[in-house]
Amino acid sequence: MSMNETINREKHYGANYYKPLPVVISKGKGIHVWDEDGKQYIDCMSAYSALSHGHCHPKLVTKIQQQVEQLTLTSRAFYSPTLGKFLQRACELTNYFGGCPLNSGAEAVEVAIKAVRKWAYTVKGIPDNQAEIIVCKNNFHGRTTTIISFSSEPQYYQHFGPLTPGFKVIPYGDAKALEQAINKNTAAFLVEPIQGEAGIIVPPEGYLAECEKICRNNNVLMICDEIQTGLGRTGKLLACQHENIQPDGILLGKALGGGMLPVSLFLANKNILDVFKPGDHGSTFGGNELAANIGLTALNIIVEEKFSENAAAMGDRLMHQLKQIKSPIITDIRGKGLLIGIEIDPAYHAARDVCLALLENGLLSKETHDTVVRLAPPLIITADQIDSIADIVKRTIEQLALK
């Protein structure tokens, strides 16, 4: 079957809510993937940071092969050998009391919302059904009906109502706006340390620390969504560690599954998790034995192979080289570690056109919000490979400048 036939079949039978680049990936190893015709590409998407370990990391491949032959799923109706070890490792690395094991990032956000609401009613004393959660404009926390209810992107919520109430939207990067938005019914502030889907938006230095202070002073919980930014991506294990803060809770996902399985966690302090009683929440697959083994192995690899340190060094190297590219096509380059956004001037080209040109030159990326090209390669990347990425971007921009 030809590549076009494969693409057309997926288009025909798949619901039309994705717009992939026209390439069929059939093999992956490390930072590279190959299409059905055998052409090699550098993967600078990493499945939106879910492939921080690279494709088919040998330790994860071995672990999944061993585990599927022994035990995969029992449900949480029983105890399993590895879940406790997985949760302990995650808590020790992040300094939290405990957590809720789930599958997708959106599930972790949903259980966090439930937790902070119940905390608001049973601990803080907010009248039932009156709790508010403050979020930021241009946020992205997932696609469930509750989560899209507090999106500021019309396409995410239009015609999916009625929407869920109880959320207040403020500008991102503005700590004073947070302080002014808090009232007696405010339960929590949910925030991304760096806004990924909004276009790799990095808030002003000191923003998160000031927000933490405001929340503490007002008995408001602070929850950081580290699903995309966490586990080494920005040069620290958690992006919020750049400002030395410890939110009341964090959300982890994507890289937690090592590119093998959907694995997510809501980690929090004891006063939050203690609001849950048996039956308050559940997940058939959340915390299954296979996922717990993969999650534990993924965490150990992140630490043992120094992903955070490599992301910091390689991110600096890539950022430095990208900023040497002088072209009116590029209006800004921003990010932290190996989460970088290249802002494209729409007067010259759409970001998707740049991504298509990069594809032709052997580099996989994806546009976000029409004007930004995202670069987020696996965290196992080497200096030589970083140089190759910079060279491809430079060559591509020079080619586009001639059109």
Protein backbone atom coordinates (compact mmCIF):
# COMPACT_ATOMS: atom_id res chain seq x y z
CA MET A 1 0.00 0.00 0.00
CA SER A 2 1.36 3.44 -0.91
CA MET A 3 1.76 6.27 1.60
CA ASN A 4 -1.09 8.18 -0.03
CA GLU A 5 -3.37 5.16 0.25
CA THR A 6 -2.55 4.84 3.95
CA ILE A 7 -3.25 8.53 4.52
CA ASN A 8 -6.51 8.44 2.56
CA ARG A 9 -7.77 5.40 4.47
CA GLU A 10 -7.16 7.10 7.81
CA LYS A 11 -8.86 10.25 6.53
CA HIS A 12 -11.86 8.24 5.34
CA TYR A 13 -12.46 6.24 8.52
CA GLY A 14 -11.12 8.62 11.15
CA ALA A 15 -13.14 11.45 12.69
CA ASN A 16 -11.91 14.74 11.26
CA TYR A 17 -10.50 16.48 14.34
CA TYR A 18 -6.81 16.18 13.50
CA LYS A 19 -4.81 17.70 10.66
CA PRO A 20 -1.61 15.64 10.48
CA LEU A 21 1.34 16.48 8.32
CA PRO A 22 1.38 14.28 5.19
CA VAL A 23 3.78 11.58 6.38
CA VAL A 24 3.24 8.02 7.60
CA ILE A 25 5.65 7.05 10.37
CA SER A 26 6.38 3.33 10.42
CA LYS A 27 9.48 2.99 12.61
CA GLY A 28 11.22 4.89 15.43
CA LYS A 29 14.51 4.59 17.28
CA GLY A 30 16.00 7.18 19.59
CA ILE A 31 15.40 10.67 18.20
CA HIS A 32 14.76 9.38 14.67
CA VAL A 33 11.73 8.02 12.84
CA TRP A 34 11.31 6.58 9.35
CA ASP A 35 8.38 6.83 6.98
CA GLU A 36 6.95 3.98 4.91
CA ASP A 37 9.33 4.81 2.07
CA GLY A 38 12.35 4.56 4.35
CA LYS A 39 13.11 8.28 4.63
CA GLN A 40 14.63 9.27 7.98
CA TYR A 41 13.53 12.25 10.07
CA ILE A 42 14.58 13.88 13.33
CA ASP A 43 11.55 13.88 15.62
CA CYS A 44 11.23 17.36 17.10
CA MET A 45 7.70 16.80 18.31
CA SER A 46 8.29 13.91 20.73
CA ALA A 47 4.51 13.31 20.67
CA TYR A 48 3.96 16.62 22.50
CA SER A 49 6.69 15.63 25.03
CA ALA A 50 5.36 12.09 25.58
CA LEU A 51 8.50 10.70 23.90
CA SER A 52 11.09 12.40 26.09
CA HIS A 53 12.85 9.03 26.36
CA GLY A 54 13.01 8.78 22.58
CA HIS A 55 11.47 6.05 20.50
CA CYS A 56 11.74 2.49 21.81
CA HIS A 57 14.12 3.14 24.70
CA PRO A 58 15.75 -0.27 25.26
CA LYS A 59 15.13 -0.36 29.03
CA LEU A 60 11.45 0.42 28.52
CA VAL A 61 11.15 -2.11 25.69
CA THR A 62 12.66 -4.80 27.93
CA LYS A 63 10.41 -3.89 30.84
CA ILE A 64 7.21 -3.93 28.78
CA GLN A 65 8.14 -7.26 27.16
CA GLN A 66 8.78 -8.84 30.55
CA GLN A 67 5.68 -7.44 32.19
CA VAL A 68 3.12 -8.31 29.52
CA GLU A 69 4.04 -11.97 29.99
CA GLN A 70 3.48 -11.81 33.75
CA LEU A 71 0.64 -9.44 34.70
CA THR A 72 -0.95 -6.41 33.04
CA LEU A 73 -4.27 -5.56 34.68
CA THR A 74 -6.22 -6.54 37.78
CA SER A 75 -8.10 -3.26 38.42
CA ARG A 76 -7.88 -1.37 41.70
CA ALA A 77 -10.21 -3.90 43.31
CA PHE A 78 -6.98 -5.58 44.48
CA TYR A 79 -3.45 -4.55 45.45
CA SER A 80 -0.62 -5.00 42.98
CA PRO A 81 3.15 -5.43 43.45
CA THR A 82 4.40 -2.25 41.76
CA LEU A 83 1.86 0.55 42.17
CA GLY A 84 3.05 1.48 45.65
CA LYS A 85 6.68 1.54 44.49
CA PHE A 86 5.73 3.75 41.53
CA LEU A 87 3.82 6.22 43.70
CA GLN A 88 6.59 6.26 46.30
CA ARG A 89 9.23 7.05 43.68
CA ALA A 90 7.12 9.83 42.15
CA CYS A 91 6.44 11.35 45.58
CA GLU A 92 10.05 11.16 46.72
CA LEU A 93 11.26 12.86 43.55
CA THR A 94 8.70 15.67 43.77
CA ASN A 95 8.26 16.01 47.56
CA TYR A 96 4.53 15.21 47.70
CA PHE A 97 2.56 13.10 50.17
CA GLY A 98 0.77 10.88 47.65
CA GLY A 99 -1.10 10.72 44.41
CA CYS A 100 -3.84 9.43 42.17
CA PRO A 101 -2.68 7.15 39.32
CA LEU A 102 -4.57 7.64 36.07
CA ASN A 103 -4.14 7.28 32.32
CA SER A 104 -4.39 10.52 30.34
CA GLY A 105 -3.37 14.01 31.33
CA ALA A 106 -6.96 15.17 31.05
CA GLU A 107 -8.00 12.53 33.59
CA ALA A 108 -5.41 13.88 36.01
CA VAL A 109 -6.81 17.39 35.56
CA GLU A 110 -10.34 16.11 36.18
CA VAL A 111 -9.42 14.37 39.44
CA ALA A 112 -7.51 17.48 40.55
CA ILE A 113 -10.64 19.56 39.98
CA LYS A 114 -12.67 17.11 42.03
CA ALA A 115 -10.09 17.13 44.82
CA VAL A 116 -9.82 20.91 45.15
CA ARG A 117 -13.59 21.31 45.03
CA LYS A 118 -14.15 18.77 47.78
CA TRP A 119 -11.33 20.38 49.79
CA ALA A 120 -13.06 23.75 49.33
CA TYR A 121 -16.34 22.44 50.76
CA THR A 122 -15.09 20.11 53.49
CA VAL A 123 -11.96 21.93 54.66
CA LYS A 124 -12.10 25.60 53.68
CA GLY A 125 -15.84 25.87 54.27
CA ILE A 126 -16.99 27.33 50.97
CA PRO A 127 -20.77 26.84 50.54
CA ASP A 128 -21.59 23.76 48.48
CA ASN A 129 -21.56 24.29 44.68
CA GLN A 130 -20.08 27.80 45.04
CA ALA A 131 -16.35 27.01 44.69
CA GLU A 132 -14.41 28.79 41.96
CA ILE A 133 -11.17 27.74 40.30
CA ILE A 134 -9.06 30.45 38.69
CA VAL A 135 -7.36 29.61 35.37
CA CYS A 136 -5.44 31.59 32.77
CA LYS A 137 -6.34 32.87 29.34
CA ASN A 138 -5.01 30.71 26.51
CA ASN A 139 -4.68 27.76 28.85
CA PHE A 140 -4.67 24.19 27.62
CA HIS A 141 -5.41 21.46 30.16
CA GLY A 142 -7.22 18.88 28.03
CA ARG A 143 -10.33 18.16 26.00
CA THR A 144 -13.03 16.87 28.36
CA THR A 145 -16.28 18.80 28.58
CA THR A 146 -15.37 20.21 31.99
CA ILE A 147 -11.90 21.28 30.88
CA ILE A 148 -13.03 22.95 27.66
CA SER A 149 -15.52 24.89 29.77
CA PHE A 150 -12.67 27.08 31.02
CA SER A 151 -10.79 27.35 27.73
CA SER A 152 -10.52 30.78 26.12
CA GLU A 153 -10.12 29.27 22.64
CA PRO A 154 -13.55 29.38 20.93
CA GLN A 155 -12.93 26.31 18.77
CA TYR A 156 -12.36 24.21 21.88
CA TYR A 157 -15.75 24.97 23.46
CA GLN A 158 -18.17 26.24 20.80
CA HIS A 159 -21.14 23.92 20.18
CA PHE A 160 -20.05 21.56 22.98
CA GLY A 161 -22.22 23.15 25.66
CA PRO A 162 -23.83 23.45 28.06
CA LEU A 163 -20.49 24.27 29.65
CA THR A 164 -19.49 23.56 33.24
CA PRO A 165 -19.58 26.60 35.56
CA GLY A 166 -17.22 27.39 38.42
CA PHE A 167 -14.17 28.80 36.63
CA LYS A 168 -12.75 32.30 36.34
CA VAL A 169 -10.28 33.24 33.58
CA ILE A 170 -7.52 35.81 34.13
CA PRO A 171 -4.55 36.97 32.02
CA TYR A 172 -1.48 34.72 32.08
CA GLY A 173 1.72 36.08 33.57
CA ASP A 174 -0.07 38.74 35.64
CA ALA A 175 0.16 38.02 39.37
CA LYS A 176 -1.84 41.13 40.26
CA ALA A 177 -4.73 39.81 38.17
CA LEU A 178 -4.69 36.66 40.29
CA GLU A 179 -4.75 38.64 43.53
CA GLN A 180 -7.67 40.76 42.30
CA ALA A 181 -9.65 37.72 41.13
CA ILE A 182 -9.57 35.90 44.47
CA ASN A 183 -12.71 36.06 46.58
CA LYS A 184 -14.23 34.13 49.49
CA ASN A 185 -15.28 31.30 47.17
CA THR A 186 -11.91 30.80 45.48
CA ALA A 187 -10.72 27.23 45.91
CA ALA A 188 -7.66 26.99 43.68
CA PHE A 189 -5.46 28.45 40.98
CA LEU A 190 -4.65 26.04 38.11
CA VAL A 191 -1.73 27.16 35.96
CA GLU A 192 0.82 25.92 33.42
CA PRO A 193 4.41 26.96 34.29
CA ILE A 194 4.88 27.49 30.55
CA GLN A 195 1.88 27.58 28.22
CA GLY A 196 2.59 24.95 25.57
CA GLU A 197 -0.38 24.91 23.21
CA ALA A 198 -0.67 28.70 23.41
CA GLY A 199 2.68 28.92 21.60
CA ILE A 200 5.40 28.20 24.19
CA ILE A 201 4.59 31.26 26.29
CA VAL A 202 7.07 31.79 29.12
CA PRO A 203 5.74 33.99 31.95
CA PRO A 204 7.81 36.84 33.46
CA GLU A 205 10.53 35.75 35.87
CA GLY A 206 9.16 35.54 39.41
CA TYR A 207 5.54 35.10 38.29
CA LEU A 208 5.03 31.61 39.71
CA ALA A 209 6.72 32.49 43.00
CA GLU A 210 4.50 35.54 43.40
CA CYS A 211 1.41 33.48 42.58
CA GLU A 212 2.40 30.90 45.20
CA LYS A 213 2.73 33.65 47.79
CA ILE A 214 -0.67 35.11 46.89
CA CYS A 215 -2.30 31.68 47.13
CA ARG A 216 -0.71 30.98 50.52
CA ASN A 217 -1.85 34.33 51.89
CA ASN A 218 -5.43 33.69 50.78
CA ASN A 219 -5.81 29.99 51.66
CA VAL A 220 -6.11 29.13 47.96
CA LEU A 221 -4.60 25.95 46.56
CA MET A 222 -2.05 26.26 43.75
CA ILE A 223 -2.00 23.42 41.22
CA CYS A 224 0.66 23.37 38.49
CA ASP A 225 -0.05 21.49 35.27
CA GLU A 226 3.32 19.89 34.48
CA ILE A 227 1.92 17.35 32.02
CA GLN A 228 3.92 18.83 29.15
CA THR A 229 6.60 20.80 31.00
CA GLY A 230 7.47 18.26 33.70
CA LEU A 231 9.93 15.40 34.00
CA GLY A 232 12.98 17.21 32.66
CA ARG A 233 11.59 18.93 29.57
CA THR A 234 12.52 22.50 30.63
CA GLY A 235 15.88 21.72 32.24
CA LYS A 236 14.53 20.94 35.72
CA LEU A 237 12.59 17.87 36.81
CA LEU A 238 9.59 20.20 37.19
CA ALA A 239 9.28 23.55 35.44
CA CYS A 240 8.03 25.16 38.65
CA GLN A 241 11.41 24.33 40.23
CA HIS A 242 12.97 27.13 38.18
CA GLU A 243 11.37 29.43 40.77
CA ASN A 244 11.92 27.11 43.75
CA ILE A 245 8.22 26.73 44.51
CA GLN A 246 6.26 23.76 45.83
CA PRO A 247 2.64 24.01 44.69
CA ASP A 248 -0.07 22.22 46.67
CA GLY A 249 -0.37 19.77 43.81
CA ILE A 250 1.03 18.96 40.37
CA LEU A 251 -0.18 17.10 37.31
CA LEU A 252 2.12 14.70 35.46
CA GLY A 253 1.59 12.70 32.28
CA LYS A 254 2.98 12.36 28.77
CA ALA A 255 6.67 11.45 29.45
CA LEU A 256 5.59 9.48 32.52
CA GLY A 257 4.57 6.66 30.18
CA GLY A 258 7.93 6.60 28.42
CA GLY A 259 6.27 6.77 25.02
CA MET A 260 4.86 3.29 25.67
CA LEU A 261 1.56 3.78 27.49
CA PRO A 262 -0.72 6.58 28.71
CA VAL A 263 0.26 7.11 32.36
CA SER A 264 -0.62 10.16 34.48
CA LEU A 265 -0.57 11.28 38.10
CA PHE A 266 -2.14 13.91 40.29
CA LEU A 267 0.33 14.38 43.16
CA ALA A 268 -0.64 16.51 46.14
CA ASN A 269 -0.21 17.27 49.82
CA LYS A 270 -1.94 15.20 52.50
CA ASN A 271 -4.59 17.81 53.32
CA ILE A 272 -5.89 17.58 49.74
CA LEU A 273 -5.74 13.84 49.22
CA ASP A 274 -7.37 13.17 52.58
CA VAL A 275 -10.69 14.49 51.27
CA PHE A 276 -11.10 11.35 49.16
CA LYS A 277 -12.97 8.35 50.50
CA PRO A 278 -13.44 4.94 48.80
CA GLY A 279 -15.86 5.41 45.93
CA ASP A 280 -15.18 9.12 45.39
CA HIS A 281 -13.16 8.38 42.26
CA GLY A 282 -11.91 5.45 40.24
CA SER A 283 -10.31 4.31 37.01
CA THR A 284 -10.41 0.80 35.54
CA PHE A 285 -6.97 1.11 33.97
CA GLY A 286 -5.47 3.80 36.20
CA GLY A 287 -2.50 2.42 38.13
CA ASN A 288 -2.56 -0.96 36.37
CA GLU A 289 0.47 -3.18 36.91
CA LEU A 290 1.86 -2.69 33.42
CA ALA A 291 1.51 1.10 33.65
CA ALA A 292 3.04 1.17 37.13
CA ASN A 293 6.08 -0.75 35.90
CA ILE A 294 6.50 1.51 32.89
CA GLY A 295 5.99 4.66 35.00
CA LEU A 296 8.52 3.54 37.59
CA THR A 297 11.06 2.60 34.92
CA ALA A 298 10.47 5.88 33.07
CA LEU A 299 11.11 7.90 36.25
CA ASN A 300 14.28 5.97 37.04
CA ILE A 301 15.62 6.51 33.51
CA ILE A 302 14.90 10.25 33.73
CA VAL A 303 17.05 10.48 36.87
CA GLU A 304 19.77 7.96 36.00
CA GLU A 305 20.34 9.30 32.50
CA LYS A 306 20.18 12.94 33.66
CA PHE A 307 17.41 14.08 31.35
CA SER A 308 16.96 17.40 33.15
CA GLU A 309 20.62 18.29 32.95
CA ASN A 310 20.82 17.31 29.29
CA ALA A 311 17.70 19.30 28.45
CA ALA A 312 19.21 22.38 30.10
CA ALA A 313 22.53 22.09 28.26
CA MET A 314 21.12 21.05 24.88
CA GLY A 315 18.32 23.62 25.13
CA ASP A 316 20.86 26.39 25.64
CA ARG A 317 22.87 25.09 22.69
CA LEU A 318 19.86 24.95 20.39
CA MET A 319 18.51 28.33 21.49
CA HIS A 320 21.89 29.97 20.89
CA GLN A 321 22.14 28.59 17.36
CA LEU A 322 18.55 29.41 16.45
CA LYS A 323 19.04 33.01 17.55
CA GLN A 324 21.90 33.32 15.06
CA ILE A 325 19.41 32.89 12.21
CA LYS A 326 18.72 36.35 10.83
CA SER A 327 15.50 36.42 8.86
CA PRO A 328 12.36 38.57 8.87
CA ILE A 329 10.38 35.32 8.72
CA ILE A 330 11.26 34.73 12.40
CA THR A 331 9.94 37.34 14.84
CA ASP A 332 10.76 35.60 18.15
CA ILE A 333 12.39 32.51 19.63
CA ARG A 334 11.44 31.56 23.19
CA GLY A 335 11.29 28.67 25.60
CA LYS A 336 13.13 26.80 28.35
CA GLY A 337 15.26 23.71 28.01
CA LEU A 338 14.06 21.62 25.09
CA LEU A 339 10.65 23.25 24.78
CA ILE A 340 11.16 25.97 22.19
CA GLY A 341 8.80 28.00 20.05
CA ILE A 342 9.75 29.83 16.86
CA GLU A 343 7.32 32.66 16.10
CA ILE A 344 6.71 33.06 12.38
CA ASP A 345 5.61 36.33 10.76
CA PRO A 346 2.35 35.46 8.97
CA ALA A 347 3.06 38.18 6.43
CA TYR A 348 5.70 35.82 5.02
CA HIS A 349 4.49 32.30 5.77
CA ALA A 350 2.06 30.34 7.93
CA ALA A 351 3.68 28.20 10.58
CA ARG A 352 2.25 25.10 8.92
CA ASP A 353 4.06 25.98 5.70
CA VAL A 354 7.30 26.14 7.67
CA CYS A 355 6.54 22.74 9.22
CA LEU A 356 5.89 21.28 5.76
CA ALA A 357 9.21 22.66 4.54
CA LEU A 358 10.99 21.24 7.59
CA LEU A 359 9.35 17.89 6.83
CA GLU A 360 10.82 17.94 3.34
CA ASN A 361 14.24 18.59 4.87
CA GLY A 362 13.99 15.69 7.33
CA LEU A 363 12.69 17.30 10.52
CA LEU A 364 9.30 16.67 12.15
CA SER A 365 7.65 19.57 13.93
CA LYS A 366 4.10 20.91 14.28
CA GLU A 367 2.54 24.33 14.23
CA THR A 368 0.60 25.71 17.16
CA HIS A 369 -1.85 28.62 16.89
CA ASP A 370 -0.94 29.17 13.22
CA THR A 371 2.14 31.29 13.93
CA VAL A 372 4.45 29.14 16.08
CA VAL A 373 6.68 26.20 15.17
CA ARG A 374 7.31 23.96 18.15
CA LEU A 375 10.67 22.24 18.69
CA ALA A 376 10.69 19.62 21.45
CA PRO A 377 13.06 16.77 20.62
CA PRO A 378 13.58 13.74 22.91
CA LEU A 379 15.67 14.52 25.99
CA ILE A 380 18.26 11.89 25.06
CA ILE A 381 19.50 14.13 22.24
CA THR A 382 23.22 14.78 21.73
CA ALA A 383 25.13 17.93 20.85
CA ASP A 384 25.77 16.75 17.27
CA GLN A 385 22.07 16.07 16.82
CA ILE A 386 21.21 19.52 18.18
CA ASP A 387 23.56 21.01 15.59
CA SER A 388 21.77 19.02 12.87
CA ILE A 389 18.41 20.45 13.98
CA ALA A 390 19.77 24.00 13.92
CA ASP A 391 21.26 23.43 10.46
CA ILE A 392 17.96 22.10 9.07
CA VAL A 393 16.00 25.02 10.52
CA LYS A 394 18.49 27.54 9.14
CA ARG A 395 18.48 25.95 5.69
CA THR A 396 14.70 25.73 5.63
CA ILE A 397 14.24 29.39 6.58
CA GLU A 398 16.73 30.41 3.89
CA GLN A 399 14.83 28.36 1.30
CA LEU A 400 11.50 29.90 2.36
CA ALA A 401 12.98 33.39 2.12
CA LEU A 402 13.44 32.82 -1.62
CA LYS A 403 9.75 32.01 -2.18
